[in-house]
């Protein structure tokens, strides 16, 4: 008898169907499906949790203010003793600095020249502003010219300082210094901080950058920084004497005020940094950026009062 059994029975294949699975395969498939569903469900819950995560709680800072307490777009209260942020509002937002730039100009100039070194004011420098009392051809001690420039925010004086330091090379040195100080949002195009065009400012930075810059300048040159709030001081060049009224006059009556620098341009709005003693020997910097010309002073008063109340 000849068998009709195929020589290779397992070579006859067909596309599998649900009914062709073994019981074990079917159970395994159900378990795998259930596992995938569980992973997706828990994963979606985690994603939803992340999406709904609340914004950072600003109450983590010791100084608390209502959202509408300040006109400024950005502000910070920064402890110069231990580097703590006591209050923050958009503190790392990059904004035009206007004449707050002059702090970096002065700080950079004093890296290579002493306060008793002399410089001659050029006609080009005086053309920057033209009415600040600085005369072309006059010779000044660097320290006196910087005191005048910072106190009355003289653009002519700061232009003369930058020109004596190498012009464009001086601007490059300002930007290198910003990097060395870790001022991540700061860069400079002009030593005065004046707007260079209708859409480009002469200097940019954040409120936190300005606070750190003010702290660095005050630590190294306290006499120069403190001169910014002295009224009735005269400054003498080789051919004339000028008398300056501090641009920070509206806040000079704040007890414990150490020094201040103002800034205002069309692009920047009203800017102000003030260093004050939170308590004796405990300096703190308050900075407001993009406020109004008058509102910047009210904003800084509000910050100082709130910082002192928080300490009590």
Protein backbone atom coordinates (compact mmCIF):
# COMPACT_ATOMS: atom_id res chain seq x y z
CA UNK A 1 0.00 0.00 0.00
CA UNK A 2 1.26 3.41 -0.81
CA UNK A 3 0.73 6.13 1.70
CA UNK A 4 -0.72 9.46 0.42
CA UNK A 5 0.58 11.43 3.40
CA UNK A 6 2.49 14.50 2.13
CA UNK A 7 6.25 14.26 2.53
CA UNK A 8 6.41 17.72 4.13
CA UNK A 9 3.09 18.39 5.89
CA UNK A 10 4.32 21.53 7.74
CA UNK A 11 5.09 23.42 4.53
CA UNK A 12 1.38 24.10 3.94
CA UNK A 13 0.81 27.49 5.56
CA UNK A 14 -1.92 30.15 5.51
CA UNK A 15 -2.47 33.65 6.95
CA UNK A 16 -3.39 33.24 10.66
CA UNK A 17 -6.82 34.25 11.88
CA UNK A 18 -8.11 34.92 15.40
CA UNK A 19 -9.51 31.40 15.55
CA UNK A 20 -6.17 29.92 14.64
CA UNK A 21 -4.43 31.18 17.84
CA UNK A 22 -3.90 28.72 20.64
CA UNK A 23 -5.56 29.40 23.98
CA UNK A 24 -2.17 30.40 25.46
CA UNK A 25 -1.53 32.92 22.69
CA UNK A 26 -4.99 34.44 23.17
CA UNK A 27 -4.46 34.88 26.93
CA UNK A 28 -1.05 36.41 26.38
CA UNK A 29 -2.54 38.88 23.90
CA UNK A 30 -5.24 39.96 26.33
CA UNK A 31 -2.69 40.51 29.08
CA UNK A 32 -0.44 42.53 26.77
CA UNK A 33 -3.35 44.71 25.67
CA UNK A 34 -4.33 45.36 29.27
CA UNK A 35 -0.75 46.27 30.17
CA UNK A 36 -0.50 48.77 27.30
CA UNK A 37 -3.81 50.35 28.29
CA UNK A 38 -2.60 50.76 31.87
CA UNK A 39 0.64 52.39 30.77
CA UNK A 40 -1.22 54.81 28.51
CA UNK A 41 -3.72 55.68 31.25
CA UNK A 42 -1.09 56.38 33.89
CA UNK A 43 1.04 58.22 31.33
CA UNK A 44 -1.84 60.48 30.33
CA UNK A 45 -2.46 61.30 33.98
CA UNK A 46 1.19 62.26 34.40
CA UNK A 47 1.14 64.43 31.26
CA UNK A 48 -2.06 66.12 32.42
CA UNK A 49 -0.43 66.78 35.78
CA UNK A 50 2.52 68.45 34.07
CA UNK A 51 0.30 70.57 31.84
CA UNK A 52 -1.77 71.76 34.78
CA UNK A 53 1.25 72.43 36.97
CA UNK A 54 0.82 75.91 38.49
CA UNK A 55 3.22 78.76 37.77
CA UNK A 56 6.10 79.24 40.24
CA UNK A 57 4.90 80.72 43.50
CA UNK A 58 6.44 84.18 43.87
CA UNK A 59 5.65 84.07 47.57
CA UNK A 60 8.87 82.09 47.90
CA UNK A 61 10.57 85.48 48.13
CA UNK A 62 10.55 87.29 51.49
CA UNK A 63 9.18 90.51 49.99
CA UNK A 64 5.59 90.18 48.77
CA UNK A 65 3.74 92.76 46.69
CA UNK A 66 0.40 92.85 44.92
CA UNK A 67 0.63 92.29 41.13
CA UNK A 68 -0.34 95.91 40.43
CA UNK A 69 1.92 97.46 43.09
CA UNK A 70 4.56 98.46 40.52
CA UNK A 71 4.36 100.28 37.20
CA UNK A 72 7.65 98.71 36.12
CA UNK A 73 7.70 95.83 33.67
CA UNK A 74 10.61 94.23 35.53
CA UNK A 75 11.99 94.64 39.04
CA UNK A 76 14.17 92.99 41.63
CA UNK A 77 15.34 93.46 45.19
CA UNK A 78 18.75 91.85 45.51
CA UNK A 79 20.72 91.33 48.72
CA UNK A 80 24.30 92.44 48.02
CA UNK A 81 25.54 90.73 51.18
CA UNK A 82 24.62 87.14 50.34
CA UNK A 83 23.30 87.27 46.77
CA UNK A 84 19.71 86.38 47.69
CA UNK A 85 16.76 87.58 45.63
CA UNK A 86 14.27 89.18 48.03
CA UNK A 87 11.71 90.14 45.39
CA UNK A 88 11.44 89.47 41.68
CA UNK A 89 9.22 90.46 38.78
CA UNK A 90 10.45 89.42 35.33
CA UNK A 91 13.93 89.83 36.81
CA UNK A 92 15.72 88.13 33.90
CA UNK A 93 13.81 89.78 31.05
CA UNK A 94 16.16 91.61 28.67
CA UNK A 95 15.17 95.28 28.38
CA UNK A 96 16.75 98.60 27.29
CA UNK A 97 18.87 100.10 30.07
CA UNK A 98 19.20 103.73 28.99
CA UNK A 99 21.63 105.56 31.31
CA UNK A 100 21.99 102.62 33.69
CA UNK A 101 24.56 101.69 31.04
CA UNK A 102 26.80 104.39 32.52
CA UNK A 103 27.51 102.15 35.52
CA UNK A 104 29.16 99.66 33.19
CA UNK A 105 31.03 102.45 31.39
CA UNK A 106 32.44 103.75 34.66
CA UNK A 107 33.23 100.27 35.98
CA UNK A 108 35.08 99.36 32.77
CA UNK A 109 37.07 102.61 32.68
CA UNK A 110 38.32 102.07 36.22
CA UNK A 111 39.57 98.58 35.38
CA UNK A 112 42.56 100.10 33.57
CA UNK A 113 42.85 103.69 34.83
CA UNK A 114 42.96 105.24 38.27
CA UNK A 115 40.66 107.99 39.46
CA UNK A 116 43.54 110.51 39.38
CA UNK A 117 44.48 109.81 35.75
CA UNK A 118 43.62 112.63 33.37
CA UNK A 119 41.86 112.88 30.02
CA UNK A 120 41.04 115.64 27.59
CA UNK A 121 37.46 116.08 26.39
CA UNK A 122 37.19 116.10 22.61
CA UNK A 123 34.80 118.11 20.44
CA UNK A 124 33.23 114.83 19.25
CA UNK A 125 32.42 113.80 22.83
CA UNK A 126 30.79 117.15 23.61
CA UNK A 127 28.66 116.82 20.46
CA UNK A 128 26.92 113.82 22.06
CA UNK A 129 24.76 116.06 24.21
CA UNK A 130 26.25 119.53 24.00
CA UNK A 131 24.62 121.19 26.99
CA UNK A 132 25.90 119.36 30.06
CA UNK A 133 28.51 121.95 31.00
CA UNK A 134 31.48 119.93 29.77
CA UNK A 135 33.66 121.90 27.35
CA UNK A 136 35.75 120.58 24.48
CA UNK A 137 39.46 120.78 25.23
CA UNK A 138 39.05 120.72 29.00
CA UNK A 139 41.21 118.31 30.99
CA UNK A 140 39.66 116.29 33.79
CA UNK A 141 40.67 113.78 36.37
CA UNK A 142 38.87 110.55 35.55
CA UNK A 143 37.34 110.29 39.01
CA UNK A 144 35.85 113.80 38.88
CA UNK A 145 34.45 113.29 35.39
CA UNK A 146 32.87 109.98 36.40
CA UNK A 147 31.31 111.50 39.52
CA UNK A 148 29.78 114.23 37.41
CA UNK A 149 28.64 111.79 34.71
CA UNK A 150 26.96 109.45 37.20
CA UNK A 151 25.39 112.19 39.31
CA UNK A 152 23.79 114.26 36.55
CA UNK A 153 23.82 111.47 33.94
CA UNK A 154 26.01 113.49 31.57
CA UNK A 155 26.24 111.87 28.13
CA UNK A 156 29.10 114.17 27.08
CA UNK A 157 31.18 113.11 30.06
CA UNK A 158 30.65 109.39 29.48
CA UNK A 159 31.33 109.75 25.76
CA UNK A 160 34.65 111.41 26.66
CA UNK A 161 35.50 108.57 29.06
CA UNK A 162 34.82 105.93 26.41
CA UNK A 163 36.72 107.82 23.74
CA UNK A 164 39.79 108.07 25.96
CA UNK A 165 39.54 104.31 26.47
CA UNK A 166 39.65 103.48 22.78
CA UNK A 167 36.18 104.08 21.39
CA UNK A 168 34.99 100.82 19.80
CA UNK A 169 37.61 98.86 21.72
CA UNK A 170 36.13 100.31 24.90
CA UNK A 171 32.64 99.04 23.95
CA UNK A 172 34.14 95.60 23.38
CA UNK A 173 35.72 95.79 26.84
CA UNK A 174 32.32 96.67 28.34
CA UNK A 175 30.80 93.54 26.82
CA UNK A 176 33.70 91.38 27.96
CA UNK A 177 33.24 92.71 31.47
CA UNK A 178 29.52 91.90 31.36
CA UNK A 179 30.43 88.30 30.53
CA UNK A 180 33.03 88.12 33.28
CA UNK A 181 30.44 89.31 35.82
CA UNK A 182 27.95 86.69 34.63
CA UNK A 183 25.45 89.26 33.37
CA UNK A 184 23.70 86.88 31.00
CA UNK A 185 21.22 89.37 29.51
CA UNK A 186 23.57 92.33 29.12
CA UNK A 187 25.27 93.77 26.06
CA UNK A 188 26.22 97.29 25.06
CA UNK A 189 26.40 99.30 21.84
CA UNK A 190 26.98 102.79 23.22
CA UNK A 191 28.72 104.00 26.41
CA UNK A 192 25.97 106.50 27.25
CA UNK A 193 22.98 104.18 26.92
CA UNK A 194 21.23 106.55 24.51
CA UNK A 195 19.00 104.91 21.91
CA UNK A 196 21.09 104.39 18.78
CA UNK A 197 18.01 104.29 16.51
CA UNK A 198 14.25 104.43 17.03
CA UNK A 199 14.26 100.66 17.59
CA UNK A 200 17.70 99.90 19.06
CA UNK A 201 18.90 100.89 22.51
CA UNK A 202 22.49 101.67 23.43
CA UNK A 203 22.46 99.03 26.15
CA UNK A 204 20.42 96.02 27.22
CA UNK A 205 20.19 93.95 30.36
CA UNK A 206 17.88 92.53 32.99
CA UNK A 207 16.86 93.89 36.38
CA UNK A 208 18.94 91.17 38.02
CA UNK A 209 21.96 92.05 35.85
CA UNK A 210 21.69 95.70 36.88
CA UNK A 211 21.49 94.76 40.56
CA UNK A 212 24.65 92.65 40.27
CA UNK A 213 26.43 95.39 38.30
CA UNK A 214 25.50 98.02 40.90
CA UNK A 215 26.76 95.72 43.63
CA UNK A 216 30.09 95.19 41.85
CA UNK A 217 30.55 98.92 41.27
CA UNK A 218 29.62 99.85 44.83
CA UNK A 219 31.94 97.24 46.32
CA UNK A 220 34.95 98.43 44.32
CA UNK A 221 34.24 102.16 44.11
CA UNK A 222 32.02 103.15 47.05
CA UNK A 223 33.00 106.82 47.01
CA UNK A 224 32.07 107.19 43.35
CA UNK A 225 28.75 105.43 43.82
CA UNK A 226 27.86 107.38 46.94
CA UNK A 227 28.57 110.65 45.11
CA UNK A 228 25.46 110.07 42.98
CA UNK A 229 23.17 111.31 45.77
CA UNK A 230 25.24 114.23 47.02
CA UNK A 231 23.78 117.61 46.24
CA UNK A 232 25.78 120.80 46.17
CA UNK A 233 29.02 119.22 44.94
CA UNK A 234 31.07 121.02 42.32
CA UNK A 235 33.24 119.34 39.70
CA UNK A 236 36.20 121.12 38.19
CA UNK A 237 37.92 120.69 34.86
CA UNK A 238 40.95 122.65 33.67
CA UNK A 239 38.91 125.56 32.34
CA UNK A 240 35.60 125.60 34.20
CA UNK A 241 33.64 124.39 37.18
CA UNK A 242 30.29 122.65 36.85
CA UNK A 243 27.70 122.08 39.49
CA UNK A 244 25.42 119.10 39.21
CA UNK A 245 21.96 118.33 40.56
CA UNK A 246 21.51 114.59 41.14
CA UNK A 247 19.03 112.95 38.77
CA UNK A 248 17.98 110.81 41.75
CA UNK A 249 16.77 113.86 43.69
CA UNK A 250 13.17 112.54 44.10
CA UNK A 251 14.39 109.73 46.37
CA UNK A 252 17.19 111.50 48.23
CA UNK A 253 15.06 111.71 51.38
CA UNK A 254 14.88 107.93 51.79
CA UNK A 255 16.72 106.99 55.01
CA UNK A 256 19.68 104.70 54.42
CA UNK A 257 20.01 105.51 50.71
CA UNK A 258 23.60 104.87 49.60
CA UNK A 259 23.59 105.66 45.88
CA UNK A 260 21.38 105.59 42.80
CA UNK A 261 21.44 105.77 39.03
CA UNK A 262 18.60 106.80 36.77
CA UNK A 263 17.89 106.08 33.12
CA UNK A 264 15.28 107.25 30.65
CA UNK A 265 14.86 107.03 26.88
CA UNK A 266 11.90 106.51 24.56
CA UNK A 267 12.71 102.80 24.25
CA UNK A 268 13.61 102.15 27.88
CA UNK A 269 10.96 104.17 29.65
CA UNK A 270 11.86 104.97 33.26
CA UNK A 271 14.67 102.95 34.83
CA UNK A 272 16.25 103.24 38.27
CA UNK A 273 18.66 101.34 40.49
CA UNK A 274 19.08 102.31 44.13
CA UNK A 275 21.38 100.78 46.71
CA UNK A 276 20.25 101.24 50.30
CA UNK A 277 20.95 99.82 53.75
CA UNK A 278 18.27 97.34 54.74
CA UNK A 279 19.83 97.65 58.17
CA UNK A 280 23.14 99.15 59.22
CA UNK A 281 25.89 97.59 57.11
CA UNK A 282 23.45 95.48 55.08
CA UNK A 283 23.33 96.88 51.50
CA UNK A 284 20.53 95.86 49.13
CA UNK A 285 19.88 96.86 45.51
CA UNK A 286 16.41 97.71 44.21
CA UNK A 287 15.98 97.89 40.42
CA UNK A 288 13.03 98.82 38.24
CA UNK A 289 13.03 98.70 34.43
CA UNK A 290 10.52 100.06 31.93
CA UNK A 291 8.48 102.06 34.39
CA UNK A 292 7.49 105.66 33.71
CA UNK A 293 9.65 108.74 34.12
CA UNK A 294 7.99 109.66 37.41
CA UNK A 295 6.72 106.20 38.34
CA UNK A 296 10.23 104.71 38.64
CA UNK A 297 10.77 106.70 41.85
CA UNK A 298 7.47 105.56 43.32
CA UNK A 299 8.30 101.97 42.35
CA UNK A 300 11.66 102.06 44.13
CA UNK A 301 10.10 103.60 47.24
CA UNK A 302 7.54 100.79 47.23
CA UNK A 303 10.28 98.16 46.96
CA UNK A 304 12.37 99.69 49.74
CA UNK A 305 9.41 100.00 52.09
CA UNK A 306 8.28 96.44 51.38
CA UNK A 307 11.80 95.08 51.94
CA UNK A 308 12.06 96.82 55.30
CA UNK A 309 8.62 95.67 56.37
CA UNK A 310 9.49 92.08 55.46
CA UNK A 311 12.57 92.26 57.67
CA UNK A 312 10.61 93.26 60.77
